[in-house]
Amino acid sequence: MLHHVQIACPEGSEDALRAFYVGVLGMTEKPKPPKLAVRGGCWFVDPYGAELHLGVEADFRPARKAHPALVRPDLDALAERLTAAGHPVTWADPTEIPGTPRFHTEDPNGNRLEFLNPPTP
């Protein structure tokens, strides 16, 4: 079982990340332990159990290829919320992984994220 995925972020981007991950994606912020909180960044848990940790990286560069893929049964509604909030939504070719609708977007720092429907048996 995977516990969490860490994504890098630039120093001072925490408020924008909270607005995106909590406000748009519907995740909950998980308090960082005090010894780690001094490093900056923030942790989030989505409604379906996935955990994303965003850690400050001094020489930050957004991940354009590497990305977490999060399962979301509310895929269409999520795509609409992202679009309404001004975030790009790029749907994948449905023939690439038949039976698995999915799309990519970016967080406020340009990190690539993938969202997909639960796989069908």
PDB file of N, CA and C in Angstrom:
ATOM      1  N   MET A   1       0.840  -1.179   0.000  1.00  0.00           N
ATOM      2  CA  MET A   1       0.000   0.000   0.000  1.00  0.00           C
ATOM      3  C   MET A   1       0.886   1.243   0.000  1.00  0.00           C
ATOM      4  N   LEU A   2       0.499   2.205  -0.777  1.00  0.00           N
ATOM      5  CA  LEU A   2       1.215   3.476  -0.864  1.00  0.00           C
ATOM      6  C   LEU A   2       0.688   4.414   0.221  1.00  0.00           C
ATOM      7  N   HIS A   3       1.573   5.020   0.997  1.00  0.00           N
ATOM      8  CA  HIS A   3       1.150   5.924   2.071  1.00  0.00           C
ATOM      9  C   HIS A   3       0.910   7.345   1.562  1.00  0.00           C
ATOM     10  N   HIS A   4       1.868   7.892   0.799  1.00  0.00           N
ATOM     11  CA  HIS A   4       1.713   9.249   0.258  1.00  0.00           C
ATOM     12  C   HIS A   4       2.659   9.449  -0.917  1.00  0.00           C
ATOM     13  N   VAL A   5       2.422  10.534  -1.616  1.00  0.00           N
ATOM     14  CA  VAL A   5       3.302  10.981  -2.693  1.00  0.00           C
ATOM     15  C   VAL A   5       3.733  12.397  -2.338  1.00  0.00           C
ATOM     16  N   GLN A   6       5.025  12.691  -2.504  1.00  0.00           N
ATOM     17  CA  GLN A   6       5.514  14.042  -2.248  1.00  0.00           C
ATOM     18  C   GLN A   6       5.725  14.760  -3.569  1.00  0.00           C
ATOM     19  N   ILE A   7       5.280  15.998  -3.588  1.00  0.00           N
ATOM     20  CA  ILE A   7       5.437  16.879  -4.738  1.00  0.00           C
ATOM     21  C   ILE A   7       6.182  18.121  -4.240  1.00  0.00           C
ATOM     22  N   ALA A   8       7.077  18.640  -5.040  1.00  0.00           N
ATOM     23  CA  ALA A   8       7.831  19.829  -4.640  1.00  0.00           C
ATOM     24  C   ALA A   8       7.015  21.094  -4.888  1.00  0.00           C
ATOM     25  N   CYS A   9       7.343  22.120  -4.116  1.00  0.00           N
ATOM     26  CA  CYS A   9       6.710  23.424  -4.291  1.00  0.00           C
ATOM     27  C   CYS A   9       7.724  24.506  -3.916  1.00  0.00           C
ATOM     28  N   PRO A  10       7.534  25.721  -4.439  1.00  0.00           N
ATOM     29  CA  PRO A  10       8.428  26.803  -4.050  1.00  0.00           C
ATOM     30  C   PRO A  10       8.030  27.382  -2.692  1.00  0.00           C
ATOM     31  N   GLU A  11       8.987  27.953  -2.023  1.00  0.00           N
ATOM     32  CA  GLU A  11       8.731  28.599  -0.742  1.00  0.00           C
ATOM     33  C   GLU A  11       7.678  29.696  -0.908  1.00  0.00           C
ATOM     34  N   GLY A  12       6.769  29.792   0.044  1.00  0.00           N
ATOM     35  CA  GLY A  12       5.765  30.843   0.031  1.00  0.00           C
ATOM     36  C   GLY A  12       4.526  30.544  -0.792  1.00  0.00           C
ATOM     37  N   SER A  13       4.404  29.333  -1.350  1.00  0.00           N
ATOM     38  CA  SER A  13       3.249  29.012  -2.198  1.00  0.00           C
ATOM     39  C   SER A  13       2.118  28.314  -1.440  1.00  0.00           C
ATOM     40  N   GLU A  14       2.258  28.185  -0.121  1.00  0.00           N
ATOM     41  CA  GLU A  14       1.295  27.401   0.654  1.00  0.00           C
ATOM     42  C   GLU A  14      -0.144  27.913   0.543  1.00  0.00           C
ATOM     43  N   ASP A  15      -0.366  29.221   0.567  1.00  0.00           N
ATOM     44  CA  ASP A  15      -1.734  29.736   0.483  1.00  0.00           C
ATOM     45  C   ASP A  15      -2.383  29.387  -0.858  1.00  0.00           C
ATOM     46  N   ALA A  16      -1.640  29.508  -1.937  1.00  0.00           N
ATOM     47  CA  ALA A  16      -2.168  29.143  -3.258  1.00  0.00           C
ATOM     48  C   ALA A  16      -2.444  27.645  -3.324  1.00  0.00           C
ATOM     49  N   LEU A  17      -1.578  26.845  -2.699  1.00  0.00           N
ATOM     50  CA  LEU A  17      -1.787  25.395  -2.680  1.00  0.00           C
ATOM     51  C   LEU A  17      -3.037  25.040  -1.890  1.00  0.00           C
ATOM     52  N   ARG A  18      -3.235  25.692  -0.759  1.00  0.00           N
ATOM     53  CA  ARG A  18      -4.445  25.435   0.041  1.00  0.00           C
ATOM     54  C   ARG A  18      -5.701  25.789  -0.759  1.00  0.00           C
ATOM     55  N   ALA A  19      -5.675  26.923  -1.437  1.00  0.00           N
ATOM     56  CA  ALA A  19      -6.832  27.336  -2.232  1.00  0.00           C
ATOM     57  C   ALA A  19      -7.131  26.300  -3.318  1.00  0.00           C
ATOM     58  N   PHE A  20      -6.105  25.726  -3.908  1.00  0.00           N
ATOM     59  CA  PHE A  20      -6.289  24.746  -4.974  1.00  0.00           C
ATOM     60  C   PHE A  20      -6.685  23.373  -4.433  1.00  0.00           C
ATOM     61  N   TYR A  21      -5.849  22.823  -3.555  1.00  0.00           N
ATOM     62  CA  TYR A  21      -6.084  21.450  -3.093  1.00  0.00           C
ATOM     63  C   TYR A  21      -7.318  21.325  -2.206  1.00  0.00           C
ATOM     64  N   VAL A  22      -7.587  22.326  -1.379  1.00  0.00           N
ATOM     65  CA  VAL A  22      -8.774  22.290  -0.522  1.00  0.00           C
ATOM     66  C   VAL A  22      -9.968  22.896  -1.255  1.00  0.00           C
ATOM     67  N   GLY A  23      -9.795  24.118  -1.761  1.00  0.00           N
ATOM     68  CA  GLY A  23     -10.901  24.850  -2.361  1.00  0.00           C
ATOM     69  C   GLY A  23     -11.421  24.283  -3.660  1.00  0.00           C
ATOM     70  N   VAL A  24     -10.533  23.818  -4.532  1.00  0.00           N
ATOM     71  CA  VAL A  24     -10.958  23.316  -5.844  1.00  0.00           C
ATOM     72  C   VAL A  24     -11.088  21.792  -5.839  1.00  0.00           C
ATOM     73  N   LEU A  25     -10.071  21.099  -5.322  1.00  0.00           N
ATOM     74  CA  LEU A  25     -10.092  19.634  -5.378  1.00  0.00           C
ATOM     75  C   LEU A  25     -10.878  18.984  -4.245  1.00  0.00           C
ATOM     76  N   GLY A  26     -11.216  19.744  -3.201  1.00  0.00           N
ATOM     77  CA  GLY A  26     -12.004  19.182  -2.108  1.00  0.00           C
ATOM     78  C   GLY A  26     -11.221  18.317  -1.143  1.00  0.00           C
ATOM     79  N   MET A  27      -9.903  18.517  -1.085  1.00  0.00           N
ATOM     80  CA  MET A  27      -9.075  17.763  -0.154  1.00  0.00           C
ATOM     81  C   MET A  27      -9.115  18.434   1.214  1.00  0.00           C
ATOM     82  N   THR A  28      -8.593  17.747   2.210  1.00  0.00           N
ATOM     83  CA  THR A  28      -8.503  18.274   3.563  1.00  0.00           C
ATOM     84  C   THR A  28      -7.031  18.452   3.898  1.00  0.00           C
ATOM     85  N   GLU A  29      -6.694  19.580   4.514  1.00  0.00           N
ATOM     86  CA  GLU A  29      -5.302  19.757   4.926  1.00  0.00           C
ATOM     87  C   GLU A  29      -5.045  18.926   6.171  1.00  0.00           C
ATOM     88  N   LYS A  30      -3.937  18.209   6.158  1.00  0.00           N
ATOM     89  CA  LYS A  30      -3.508  17.395   7.293  1.00  0.00           C
ATOM     90  C   LYS A  30      -2.357  18.141   7.965  1.00  0.00           C
ATOM     91  N   PRO A  31      -2.482  18.441   9.254  1.00  0.00           N
ATOM     92  CA  PRO A  31      -1.398  19.178   9.916  1.00  0.00           C
ATOM     93  C   PRO A  31      -0.076  18.407   9.857  1.00  0.00           C
ATOM     94  N   LYS A  32       0.989  19.126   9.557  1.00  0.00           N
ATOM     95  CA  LYS A  32       2.320  18.514   9.561  1.00  0.00           C
ATOM     96  C   LYS A  32       2.813  18.430  11.004  1.00  0.00           C
ATOM     97  N   PRO A  33       3.592  17.402  11.325  1.00  0.00           N
ATOM     98  CA  PRO A  33       4.189  17.354  12.664  1.00  0.00           C
ATOM     99  C   PRO A  33       5.047  18.599  12.881  1.00  0.00           C
ATOM    100  N   PRO A  34       5.073  19.129  14.118  1.00  0.00           N
ATOM    101  CA  PRO A  34       5.782  20.384  14.379  1.00  0.00           C
ATOM    102  C   PRO A  34       7.221  20.436  13.865  1.00  0.00           C
ATOM    103  N   LYS A  35       7.983  19.359  14.004  1.00  0.00           N
ATOM    104  CA  LYS A  35       9.382  19.377  13.543  1.00  0.00           C
ATOM    105  C   LYS A  35       9.493  19.470  12.025  1.00  0.00           C
ATOM    106  N   LEU A  36       8.459  19.043  11.322  1.00  0.00           N
ATOM    107  CA  LEU A  36       8.461  19.144   9.861  1.00  0.00           C
ATOM    108  C   LEU A  36       7.795  20.432   9.383  1.00  0.00           C
ATOM    109  N   ALA A  37       6.867  20.965  10.162  1.00  0.00           N
ATOM    110  CA  ALA A  37       6.141  22.173   9.762  1.00  0.00           C
ATOM    111  C   ALA A  37       7.073  23.365   9.566  1.00  0.00           C
ATOM    112  N   VAL A  38       8.171  23.414  10.296  1.00  0.00           N
ATOM    113  CA  VAL A  38       9.100  24.548  10.163  1.00  0.00           C
ATOM    114  C   VAL A  38       9.759  24.589   8.785  1.00  0.00           C
ATOM    115  N   ARG A  39       9.706  23.493   8.047  1.00  0.00           N
ATOM    116  CA  ARG A  39      10.300  23.441   6.700  1.00  0.00           C
ATOM    117  C   ARG A  39       9.397  24.070   5.641  1.00  0.00           C
ATOM    118  N   GLY A  40       8.144  24.388   6.008  1.00  0.00           N
ATOM    119  CA  GLY A  40       7.191  24.908   5.034  1.00  0.00           C
ATOM    120  C   GLY A  40       6.493  23.776   4.306  1.00  0.00           C
ATOM    121  N   GLY A  41       5.700  24.140   3.315  1.00  0.00           N
ATOM    122  CA  GLY A  41       4.931  23.151   2.577  1.00  0.00           C
ATOM    123  C   GLY A  41       3.656  22.794   3.315  1.00  0.00           C
ATOM    124  N   CYS A  42       2.903  21.847   2.788  1.00  0.00           N
ATOM    125  CA  CYS A  42       1.657  21.415   3.413  1.00  0.00           C
ATOM    126  C   CYS A  42       1.283  20.026   2.921  1.00  0.00           C
ATOM    127  N   TRP A  43       0.451  19.365   3.707  1.00  0.00           N
ATOM    128  CA  TRP A  43      -0.004  18.008   3.399  1.00  0.00           C
ATOM    129  C   TRP A  43      -1.509  18.018   3.198  1.00  0.00           C
ATOM    130  N   PHE A  44      -1.988  17.186   2.262  1.00  0.00           N
ATOM    131  CA  PHE A  44      -3.412  17.102   1.959  1.00  0.00           C
ATOM    132  C   PHE A  44      -3.838  15.651   1.822  1.00  0.00           C
ATOM    133  N   VAL A  45      -5.102  15.393   2.187  1.00  0.00           N
ATOM    134  CA  VAL A  45      -5.705  14.069   2.039  1.00  0.00           C
ATOM    135  C   VAL A  45      -6.965  14.252   1.218  1.00  0.00           C
ATOM    136  N   ASP A  46      -7.129  13.425   0.169  1.00  0.00           N
ATOM    137  CA  ASP A  46      -8.339  13.569  -0.635  1.00  0.00           C
ATOM    138  C   ASP A  46      -9.467  12.738  -0.024  1.00  0.00           C
ATOM    139  N   PRO A  47     -10.714  12.964  -0.463  1.00  0.00           N
ATOM    140  CA  PRO A  47     -11.855  12.268   0.129  1.00  0.00           C
ATOM    141  C   PRO A  47     -11.820  10.751  -0.062  1.00  0.00           C
ATOM    142  N   TYR A  48     -10.917  10.268  -0.894  1.00  0.00           N
ATOM    143  CA  TYR A  48     -10.860   8.841  -1.202  1.00  0.00           C
ATOM    144  C   TYR A  48      -9.613   8.178  -0.618  1.00  0.00           C
ATOM    145  N   GLY A  49      -8.884   8.903   0.258  1.00  0.00           N
ATOM    146  CA  GLY A  49      -7.780   8.318   1.000  1.00  0.00           C
ATOM    147  C   GLY A  49      -6.382   8.609   0.503  1.00  0.00           C
ATOM    148  N   ALA A  50      -6.223   9.205  -0.668  1.00  0.00           N
ATOM    149  CA  ALA A  50      -4.881   9.506  -1.174  1.00  0.00           C
ATOM    150  C   ALA A  50      -4.295  10.685  -0.403  1.00  0.00           C
ATOM    151  N   GLU A  51      -3.007  10.617  -0.129  1.00  0.00           N
ATOM    152  CA  GLU A  51      -2.325  11.677   0.614  1.00  0.00           C
ATOM    153  C   GLU A  51      -1.233  12.286  -0.260  1.00  0.00           C
ATOM    154  N   LEU A  52      -1.228  13.620  -0.361  1.00  0.00           N
ATOM    155  CA  LEU A  52      -0.193  14.340  -1.093  1.00  0.00           C
ATOM    156  C   LEU A  52       0.532  15.257  -0.123  1.00  0.00           C
ATOM    157  N   HIS A  53       1.853  15.169  -0.131  1.00  0.00           N
ATOM    158  CA  HIS A  53       2.680  16.050   0.687  1.00  0.00           C
ATOM    159  C   HIS A  53       3.389  16.996  -0.267  1.00  0.00           C
ATOM    160  N   LEU A  54       3.262  18.281  -0.027  1.00  0.00           N
ATOM    161  CA  LEU A  54       3.952  19.271  -0.842  1.00  0.00           C
ATOM    162  C   LEU A  54       5.069  19.860  -0.007  1.00  0.00           C
ATOM    163  N   GLY A  55       6.299  19.623  -0.448  1.00  0.00           N
ATOM    164  CA  GLY A  55       7.468  20.048   0.299  1.00  0.00           C
ATOM    165  C   GLY A  55       8.242  21.130  -0.429  1.00  0.00           C
ATOM    166  N   VAL A  56       8.709  22.101   0.339  1.00  0.00           N
ATOM    167  CA  VAL A  56       9.458  23.217  -0.227  1.00  0.00           C
ATOM    168  C   VAL A  56      10.803  22.735  -0.755  1.00  0.00           C
ATOM    169  N   GLU A  57      11.103  23.159  -1.979  1.00  0.00           N
ATOM    170  CA  GLU A  57      12.373  22.836  -2.619  1.00  0.00           C
ATOM    171  C   GLU A  57      13.007  24.162  -3.061  1.00  0.00           C
ATOM    172  N   ALA A  58      14.224  24.413  -2.598  1.00  0.00           N
ATOM    173  CA  ALA A  58      14.887  25.697  -2.867  1.00  0.00           C
ATOM    174  C   ALA A  58      15.014  25.980  -4.368  1.00  0.00           C
ATOM    175  N   ASP A  59      15.417  24.999  -5.145  1.00  0.00           N
ATOM    176  CA  ASP A  59      15.597  25.164  -6.588  1.00  0.00           C
ATOM    177  C   ASP A  59      14.399  24.550  -7.308  1.00  0.00           C
ATOM    178  N   PHE A  60      13.199  24.989  -6.945  1.00  0.00           N
ATOM    179  CA  PHE A  60      11.968  24.380  -7.452  1.00  0.00           C
ATOM    180  C   PHE A  60      11.833  24.474  -8.960  1.00  0.00           C
ATOM    181  N   ARG A  61      11.462  23.367  -9.549  1.00  0.00           N
ATOM    182  CA  ARG A  61      11.043  23.280 -10.944  1.00  0.00           C
ATOM    183  C   ARG A  61       9.825  22.369 -10.984  1.00  0.00           C
ATOM    184  N   PRO A  62       8.728  22.770 -11.623  1.00  0.00           N
ATOM    185  CA  PRO A  62       7.528  21.933 -11.623  1.00  0.00           C
ATOM    186  C   PRO A  62       7.759  20.600 -12.326  1.00  0.00           C
ATOM    187  N   ALA A  63       7.096  19.578 -11.819  1.00  0.00           N
ATOM    188  CA  ALA A  63       7.131  18.256 -12.450  1.00  0.00           C
ATOM    189  C   ALA A  63       6.158  18.275 -13.626  1.00  0.00           C
ATOM    190  N   ARG A  64       6.686  18.227 -14.830  1.00  0.00           N
ATOM    191  CA  ARG A  64       5.854  18.294 -16.037  1.00  0.00           C
ATOM    192  C   ARG A  64       5.492  16.906 -16.567  1.00  0.00           C
ATOM    193  N   LYS A  65       6.318  15.910 -16.273  1.00  0.00           N
ATOM    194  CA  LYS A  65       6.060  14.549 -16.743  1.00  0.00           C
ATOM    195  C   LYS A  65       5.662  13.647 -15.573  1.00  0.00           C
ATOM    196  N   ALA A  66       6.516  13.560 -14.560  1.00  0.00           N
ATOM    197  CA  ALA A  66       6.207  12.750 -13.378  1.00  0.00           C
ATOM    198  C   ALA A  66       4.975  13.335 -12.701  1.00  0.00           C
ATOM    199  N   HIS A  67       4.094  12.476 -12.189  1.00  0.00           N
ATOM    200  CA  HIS A  67       2.859  12.970 -11.576  1.00  0.00           C
ATOM    201  C   HIS A  67       2.176  11.878 -10.766  1.00  0.00           C
ATOM    202  N   PRO A  68       1.411  12.279  -9.750  1.00  0.00           N
ATOM    203  CA  PRO A  68       0.537  11.312  -9.091  1.00  0.00           C
ATOM    204  C   PRO A  68      -0.737  11.159  -9.920  1.00  0.00           C
ATOM    205  N   ALA A  69      -1.336   9.989  -9.862  1.00  0.00           N
ATOM    206  CA  ALA A  69      -2.623   9.737 -10.512  1.00  0.00           C
ATOM    207  C   ALA A  69      -3.609   9.385  -9.407  1.00  0.00           C
ATOM    208  N   LEU A  70      -4.644  10.191  -9.268  1.00  0.00           N
ATOM    209  CA  LEU A  70      -5.604  10.027  -8.183  1.00  0.00           C
ATOM    210  C   LEU A  70      -6.941   9.532  -8.723  1.00  0.00           C
ATOM    211  N   VAL A  71      -7.492   8.517  -8.083  1.00  0.00           N
ATOM    212  CA  VAL A  71      -8.783   7.964  -8.483  1.00  0.00           C
ATOM    213  C   VAL A  71      -9.888   8.860  -7.951  1.00  0.00           C
ATOM    214  N   ARG A  72     -10.796   9.265  -8.835  1.00  0.00           N
ATOM    215  CA  ARG A  72     -11.918  10.118  -8.447  1.00  0.00           C
ATOM    216  C   ARG A  72     -13.177   9.664  -9.182  1.00  0.00           C
ATOM    217  N   PRO A  73     -14.160   9.147  -8.464  1.00  0.00           N
ATOM    218  CA  PRO A  73     -15.406   8.756  -9.127  1.00  0.00           C
ATOM    219  C   PRO A  73     -16.200   9.949  -9.647  1.00  0.00           C
ATOM    220  N   ASP A  74     -15.904  11.163  -9.166  1.00  0.00           N
ATOM    221  CA  ASP A  74     -16.595  12.389  -9.589  1.00  0.00           C
ATOM    222  C   ASP A  74     -15.817  13.118 -10.679  1.00  0.00           C
ATOM    223  N   LEU A  75     -15.260  12.371 -11.605  1.00  0.00           N
ATOM    224  CA  LEU A  75     -14.324  12.909 -12.586  1.00  0.00           C
ATOM    225  C   LEU A  75     -14.897  14.076 -13.397  1.00  0.00           C
ATOM    226  N   ASP A  76     -16.098  13.929 -13.922  1.00  0.00           N
ATOM    227  CA  ASP A  76     -16.676  14.999 -14.744  1.00  0.00           C
ATOM    228  C   ASP A  76     -16.914  16.265 -13.930  1.00  0.00           C
ATOM    229  N   ALA A  77     -17.450  16.119 -12.732  1.00  0.00           N
ATOM    230  CA  ALA A  77     -17.693  17.283 -11.871  1.00  0.00           C
ATOM    231  C   ALA A  77     -16.378  17.949 -11.485  1.00  0.00           C
ATOM    232  N   LEU A  78     -15.355  17.142 -11.224  1.00  0.00           N
ATOM    233  CA  LEU A  78     -14.042  17.692 -10.877  1.00  0.00           C
ATOM    234  C   LEU A  78     -13.463  18.477 -12.055  1.00  0.00           C
ATOM    235  N   ALA A  79     -13.583  17.942 -13.260  1.00  0.00           N
ATOM    236  CA  ALA A  79     -13.096  18.649 -14.452  1.00  0.00           C
ATOM    237  C   ALA A  79     -13.817  19.991 -14.611  1.00  0.00           C
ATOM    238  N   GLU A  80     -15.112  20.021 -14.347  1.00  0.00           N
ATOM    239  CA  GLU A  80     -15.869  21.273 -14.441  1.00  0.00           C
ATOM    240  C   GLU A  80     -15.394  22.281 -13.401  1.00  0.00           C
ATOM    241  N   ARG A  81     -15.147  21.821 -12.156  1.00  0.00           N
ATOM    242  CA  ARG A  81     -14.660  22.734 -11.115  1.00  0.00           C
ATOM    243  C   ARG A  81     -13.292  23.297 -11.466  1.00  0.00           C
ATOM    244  N   LEU A  82     -12.413  22.447 -11.984  1.00  0.00           N
ATOM    245  CA  LEU A  82     -11.075  22.905 -12.371  1.00  0.00           C
ATOM    246  C   LEU A  82     -11.162  23.948 -13.482  1.00  0.00           C
ATOM    247  N   THR A  83     -11.963  23.672 -14.492  1.00  0.00           N
ATOM    248  CA  THR A  83     -12.120  24.598 -15.616  1.00  0.00           C
ATOM    249  C   THR A  83     -12.703  25.924 -15.133  1.00  0.00           C
ATOM    250  N   ALA A  84     -13.721  25.860 -14.281  1.00  0.00           N
ATOM    251  CA  ALA A  84     -14.347  27.073 -13.762  1.00  0.00           C
ATOM    252  C   ALA A  84     -13.358  27.898 -12.936  1.00  0.00           C
ATOM    253  N   ALA A  85     -12.398  27.226 -12.288  1.00  0.00           N
ATOM    254  CA  ALA A  85     -11.395  27.917 -11.478  1.00  0.00           C
ATOM    255  C   ALA A  85     -10.183  28.355 -12.297  1.00  0.00           C
ATOM    256  N   GLY A  86     -10.213  28.103 -13.614  1.00  0.00           N
ATOM    257  CA  GLY A  86      -9.144  28.566 -14.493  1.00  0.00           C
ATOM    258  C   GLY A  86      -7.960  27.626 -14.626  1.00  0.00           C
ATOM    259  N   HIS A  87      -8.119  26.371 -14.240  1.00  0.00           N
ATOM    260  CA  HIS A  87      -7.033  25.405 -14.357  1.00  0.00           C
ATOM    261  C   HIS A  87      -7.238  24.560 -15.621  1.00  0.00           C
ATOM    262  N   PRO A  88      -6.162  24.234 -16.326  1.00  0.00           N
ATOM    263  CA  PRO A  88      -6.302  23.477 -17.566  1.00  0.00           C
ATOM    264  C   PRO A  88      -6.770  22.040 -17.300  1.00  0.00           C
ATOM    265  N   VAL A  89      -7.616  21.535 -18.169  1.00  0.00           N
ATOM    266  CA  VAL A  89      -8.047  20.139 -18.118  1.00  0.00           C
ATOM    267  C   VAL A  89      -7.820  19.562 -19.504  1.00  0.00           C
ATOM    268  N   THR A  90      -6.947  18.553 -19.573  1.00  0.00           N
ATOM    269  CA  THR A  90      -6.650  17.900 -20.847  1.00  0.00           C
ATOM    270  C   THR A  90      -7.047  16.431 -20.732  1.00  0.00           C
ATOM    271  N   TRP A  91      -8.129  16.075 -21.409  1.00  0.00           N
ATOM    272  CA  TRP A  91      -8.610  14.696 -21.374  1.00  0.00           C
ATOM    273  C   TRP A  91      -7.681  13.799 -22.189  1.00  0.00           C
ATOM    274  N   ALA A  92      -7.422  12.625 -21.672  1.00  0.00           N
ATOM    275  CA  ALA A  92      -6.568  11.655 -22.362  1.00  0.00           C
ATOM    276  C   ALA A  92      -7.359  10.947 -23.454  1.00  0.00           C
ATOM    277  N   ASP A  93      -6.653  10.454 -24.437  1.00  0.00           N
ATOM    278  CA  ASP A  93      -7.246   9.665 -25.512  1.00  0.00           C
ATOM    279  C   ASP A  93      -7.867   8.407 -24.892  1.00  0.00           C
ATOM    280  N   PRO A  94      -9.177   8.193 -25.060  1.00  0.00           N
ATOM    281  CA  PRO A  94      -9.834   7.048 -24.424  1.00  0.00           C
ATOM    282  C   PRO A  94      -9.363   5.685 -24.935  1.00  0.00           C
ATOM    283  N   THR A  95      -8.656   5.675 -26.073  1.00  0.00           N
ATOM    284  CA  THR A  95      -8.164   4.396 -26.587  1.00  0.00           C
ATOM    285  C   THR A  95      -6.838   3.989 -25.945  1.00  0.00           C
ATOM    286  N   GLU A  96      -6.207   4.920 -25.213  1.00  0.00           N
ATOM    287  CA  GLU A  96      -4.931   4.589 -24.568  1.00  0.00           C
ATOM    288  C   GLU A  96      -5.114   3.560 -23.461  1.00  0.00           C
ATOM    289  N   ILE A  97      -6.076   3.798 -22.590  1.00  0.00           N
ATOM    290  CA  ILE A  97      -6.413   2.851 -21.519  1.00  0.00           C
ATOM    291  C   ILE A  97      -7.927   2.669 -21.586  1.00  0.00           C
ATOM    292  N   PRO A  98      -8.397   1.749 -22.417  1.00  0.00           N
ATOM    293  CA  PRO A  98      -9.841   1.573 -22.601  1.00  0.00           C
ATOM    294  C   PRO A  98     -10.566   1.343 -21.275  1.00  0.00           C
ATOM    295  N   GLY A  99     -11.716   2.017 -21.127  1.00  0.00           N
ATOM    296  CA  GLY A  99     -12.535   1.859 -19.932  1.00  0.00           C
ATOM    297  C   GLY A  99     -12.076   2.679 -18.741  1.00  0.00           C
ATOM    298  N   THR A 100     -11.062   3.538 -18.943  1.00  0.00           N
ATOM    299  CA  THR A 100     -10.548   4.351 -17.837  1.00  0.00           C
ATOM    300  C   THR A 100     -10.494   5.818 -18.256  1.00  0.00           C
ATOM    301  N   PRO A 101     -11.618   6.532 -18.130  1.00  0.00           N
ATOM    302  CA  PRO A 101     -11.580   7.973 -18.422  1.00  0.00           C
ATOM    303  C   PRO A 101     -10.597   8.663 -17.479  1.00  0.00           C
ATOM    304  N   ARG A 102      -9.839   9.613 -18.032  1.00  0.00           N
ATOM    305  CA  ARG A 102      -8.838  10.310 -17.212  1.00  0.00           C
ATOM    306  C   ARG A 102      -8.465  11.630 -17.868  1.00  0.00           C
ATOM    307  N   PHE A 103      -7.936  12.536 -17.034  1.00  0.00           N
ATOM    308  CA  PHE A 103      -7.443  13.812 -17.550  1.00  0.00           C
ATOM    309  C   PHE A 103      -6.256  14.268 -16.721  1.00  0.00           C
ATOM    310  N   HIS A 104      -5.527  15.233 -17.272  1.00  0.00           N
ATOM    311  CA  HIS A 104      -4.397  15.859 -16.581  1.00  0.00           C
ATOM    312  C   HIS A 104      -4.726  17.327 -16.339  1.00  0.00           C
ATOM    313  N   THR A 105      -4.140  17.846 -15.273  1.00  0.00           N
ATOM    314  CA  THR A 105      -4.231  19.269 -14.959  1.00  0.00           C
ATOM    315  C   THR A 105      -2.921  19.664 -14.295  1.00  0.00           C
ATOM    316  N   GLU A 106      -2.850  20.896 -13.828  1.00  0.00           N
ATOM    317  CA  GLU A 106      -1.660  21.394 -13.126  1.00  0.00           C
ATOM    318  C   GLU A 106      -2.077  22.068 -11.842  1.00  0.00           C
ATOM    319  N   ASP A 107      -1.244  21.940 -10.813  1.00  0.00           N
ATOM    320  CA  ASP A 107      -1.497  22.702  -9.595  1.00  0.00           C
ATOM    321  C   ASP A 107      -1.010  24.137  -9.817  1.00  0.00           C
ATOM    322  N   PRO A 108      -1.189  25.043  -8.858  1.00  0.00           N
ATOM    323  CA  PRO A 108      -0.798  26.449  -9.074  1.00  0.00           C
ATOM    324  C   PRO A 108       0.682  26.659  -9.375  1.00  0.00           C
ATOM    325  N   ASN A 109       1.516  25.669  -9.049  1.00  0.00           N
ATOM    326  CA  ASN A 109       2.955  25.785  -9.316  1.00  0.00           C
ATOM    327  C   ASN A 109       3.375  25.077 -10.602  1.00  0.00           C
ATOM    328  N   GLY A 110       2.416  24.546 -11.347  1.00  0.00           N
ATOM    329  CA  GLY A 110       2.728  23.888 -12.612  1.00  0.00           C
ATOM    330  C   GLY A 110       3.014  22.405 -12.515  1.00  0.00           C
ATOM    331  N   ASN A 111       2.849  21.793 -11.345  1.00  0.00           N
ATOM    332  CA  ASN A 111       3.044  20.347 -11.214  1.00  0.00           C
ATOM    333  C   ASN A 111       1.900  19.596 -11.883  1.00  0.00           C
ATOM    334  N   ARG A 112       2.234  18.591 -12.668  1.00  0.00           N
ATOM    335  CA  ARG A 112       1.242  17.802 -13.379  1.00  0.00           C
ATOM    336  C   ARG A 112       0.515  16.872 -12.414  1.00  0.00           C
ATOM    337  N   LEU A 113      -0.803  16.765 -12.574  1.00  0.00           N
ATOM    338  CA  LEU A 113      -1.640  15.859 -11.797  1.00  0.00           C
ATOM    339  C   LEU A 113      -2.543  15.112 -12.753  1.00  0.00           C
ATOM    340  N   GLU A 114      -2.793  13.839 -12.488  1.00  0.00           N
ATOM    341  CA  GLU A 114      -3.722  13.045 -13.279  1.00  0.00           C
ATOM    342  C   GLU A 114      -4.880  12.611 -12.394  1.00  0.00           C
ATOM    343  N   PHE A 115      -6.085  12.621 -12.945  1.00  0.00           N
ATOM    344  CA  PHE A 115      -7.267  12.130 -12.244  1.00  0.00           C
ATOM    345  C   PHE A 115      -7.946  11.123 -13.150  1.00  0.00           C
ATOM    346  N   LEU A 116      -8.403  10.010 -12.587  1.00  0.00           N
ATOM    347  CA  LEU A 116      -9.030   8.980 -13.363  1.00  0.00           C
ATOM    348  C   LEU A 116     -10.176   8.336 -12.611  1.00  0.00           C
ATOM    349  N   ASN A 117     -11.135   7.791 -13.379  1.00  0.00           N
ATOM    350  CA  ASN A 117     -12.222   7.042 -12.779  1.00  0.00           C
ATOM    351  C   ASN A 117     -11.685   5.739 -12.231  1.00  0.00           C
ATOM    352  N   PRO A 118     -12.378   5.175 -11.232  1.00  0.00           N
ATOM    353  CA  PRO A 118     -11.942   3.854 -10.752  1.00  0.00           C
ATOM    354  C   PRO A 118     -11.902   2.876 -11.920  1.00  0.00           C
ATOM    355  N   PRO A 119     -10.866   2.045 -11.978  1.00  0.00           N
ATOM    356  CA  PRO A 119     -10.784   1.069 -13.065  1.00  0.00           C
ATOM    357  C   PRO A 119     -11.988   0.138 -13.066  1.00  0.00           C
ATOM    358  N   THR A 120     -12.439  -0.216 -14.269  1.00  0.00           N
ATOM    359  CA  THR A 120     -13.529  -1.182 -14.392  1.00  0.00           C
ATOM    360  C   THR A 120     -12.935  -2.581 -14.480  1.00  0.00           C
ATOM    361  N   PRO A 121     -13.616  -3.570 -13.878  1.00  0.00           N
ATOM    362  CA  PRO A 121     -13.060  -4.942 -13.904  1.00  0.00           C
ATOM    363  C   PRO A 121     -13.025  -5.527 -15.302  1.00  0.00           C
TER     364      PRO A 121
END
